């Protein structure tokens, strides 16, 4: 991918859920990448958008104080799965990593 971040070219992608940004990043310069710039299926884009939106909604429902243990388990399992799908669709041209989350909020 060229001209999508601050690097001349990037072949290192980080998958990380984020509020108000697409969940993919250049793993070298840390620039947020546009999902529409990736040569992946519309189905996978939709899954990534939905996963990221669910993360944002969970944070909002907890006043942006963090995520619960059960949600972090779901988020990380889903994030790992989406990272594998992304890697498969990009035919191993890129090094793709997932950034896992830890819970902060104790569940009642």
Protein backbone atom coordinates (compact mmCIF):
# COMPACT_ATOMS: atom_id res chain seq x y z
CA UNK A 1 0.00 0.00 0.00
CA UNK A 2 1.45 3.32 -1.01
CA UNK A 3 0.49 6.85 0.01
CA UNK A 4 -1.72 5.77 2.91
CA UNK A 5 0.47 6.83 5.82
CA UNK A 6 3.69 8.65 6.64
CA UNK A 7 5.89 5.80 5.41
CA UNK A 8 6.95 5.46 1.79
CA UNK A 9 5.21 2.11 1.78
CA UNK A 10 3.73 0.07 4.56
CA UNK A 11 3.58 -3.68 4.84
CA UNK A 12 2.99 -3.74 8.59
CA UNK A 13 -0.59 -3.36 9.80
CA UNK A 14 -1.91 -3.22 13.35
CA UNK A 15 -5.54 -4.10 14.09
CA UNK A 16 -6.78 -2.16 17.09
CA UNK A 17 -10.30 -1.04 17.97
CA UNK A 18 -10.63 2.71 18.36
CA UNK A 19 -13.30 5.32 18.93
CA UNK A 20 -13.85 7.63 15.93
CA UNK A 21 -11.24 5.97 13.70
CA UNK A 22 -10.96 2.92 11.48
CA UNK A 23 -9.52 -0.05 13.40
CA UNK A 24 -6.37 -0.44 11.29
CA UNK A 25 -3.04 1.33 11.66
CA UNK A 26 0.40 1.43 10.10
CA UNK A 27 2.46 -0.52 12.63
CA UNK A 28 5.57 1.54 11.79
CA UNK A 29 4.45 5.20 11.89
CA UNK A 30 1.18 4.51 13.78
CA UNK A 31 -0.95 6.44 11.25
CA UNK A 32 -4.60 5.46 11.10
CA UNK A 33 -5.39 3.76 7.80
CA UNK A 34 -8.60 4.00 5.80
CA UNK A 35 -10.34 0.63 5.48
CA UNK A 36 -11.51 1.66 2.02
CA UNK A 37 -7.88 1.81 0.88
CA UNK A 38 -7.31 -1.86 1.63
CA UNK A 39 -7.90 -4.40 -1.13
CA UNK A 40 -10.28 -6.52 0.96
CA UNK A 41 -13.87 -7.70 0.59
CA UNK A 42 -16.80 -5.51 1.47
CA UNK A 43 -17.91 -8.25 3.85
CA UNK A 44 -14.68 -8.07 5.85
CA UNK A 45 -14.80 -4.26 5.87
CA UNK A 46 -18.34 -4.46 7.28
CA UNK A 47 -17.20 -6.94 9.96
CA UNK A 48 -14.33 -4.66 10.97
CA UNK A 49 -16.61 -1.62 11.09
CA UNK A 50 -19.17 -3.51 13.20
CA UNK A 51 -16.50 -4.83 15.60
CA UNK A 52 -15.08 -1.33 16.01
CA UNK A 53 -18.54 0.19 16.49
CA UNK A 54 -19.37 -2.38 19.16
CA UNK A 55 -16.16 -1.43 20.99
CA UNK A 56 -17.05 2.27 20.80
CA UNK A 57 -20.59 1.63 22.04
CA UNK A 58 -19.33 -0.45 24.96
CA UNK A 59 -16.91 2.29 26.00
CA UNK A 60 -19.66 4.92 25.74
CA UNK A 61 -22.00 2.82 27.87
CA UNK A 62 -19.31 2.81 30.59
CA UNK A 63 -18.60 6.55 30.33
CA UNK A 64 -15.26 5.88 28.58
CA UNK A 65 -13.80 4.42 31.78
CA UNK A 66 -12.68 1.16 30.17
CA UNK A 67 -14.07 -2.22 29.25
CA UNK A 68 -15.35 -5.16 31.28
CA UNK A 69 -13.66 -8.56 31.53
CA UNK A 70 -16.34 -10.38 29.55
CA UNK A 71 -16.27 -7.71 26.84
CA UNK A 72 -12.46 -7.77 26.61
CA UNK A 73 -12.61 -11.55 26.12
CA UNK A 74 -15.14 -11.14 23.29
CA UNK A 75 -13.26 -8.18 21.79
CA UNK A 76 -9.94 -10.02 21.77
CA UNK A 77 -11.33 -13.27 20.38
CA UNK A 78 -13.15 -11.36 17.64
CA UNK A 79 -10.12 -9.16 16.98
CA UNK A 80 -7.86 -12.19 16.58
CA UNK A 81 -10.38 -13.78 14.21
CA UNK A 82 -10.68 -10.59 12.14
CA UNK A 83 -6.88 -10.28 12.03
CA UNK A 84 -6.66 -13.82 10.60
CA UNK A 85 -9.31 -13.00 8.00
CA UNK A 86 -7.50 -9.78 7.08
CA UNK A 87 -4.22 -11.65 6.72
CA UNK A 88 -5.86 -14.28 4.51
CA UNK A 89 -7.47 -11.68 2.26
CA UNK A 90 -4.24 -9.72 1.92
CA UNK A 91 -2.54 -13.01 0.94
CA UNK A 92 0.25 -12.72 3.47
CA UNK A 93 1.78 -9.68 1.70
CA UNK A 94 1.51 -7.79 4.97
CA UNK A 95 2.61 -8.49 8.51
CA UNK A 96 -0.59 -8.06 10.49
CA UNK A 97 -0.79 -7.95 14.26
CA UNK A 98 -3.64 -7.53 16.70
CA UNK A 99 -3.42 -5.32 19.78
CA UNK A 100 -5.32 -7.05 22.62
CA UNK A 101 -7.19 -5.18 25.33
CA UNK A 102 -7.37 -5.77 29.06
CA UNK A 103 -10.45 -5.12 31.12
CA UNK A 104 -10.47 -2.18 33.48
CA UNK A 105 -14.00 -2.25 34.84
CA UNK A 106 -14.90 -4.87 37.43
CA UNK A 107 -18.19 -6.60 36.65
CA UNK A 108 -20.84 -6.75 39.32
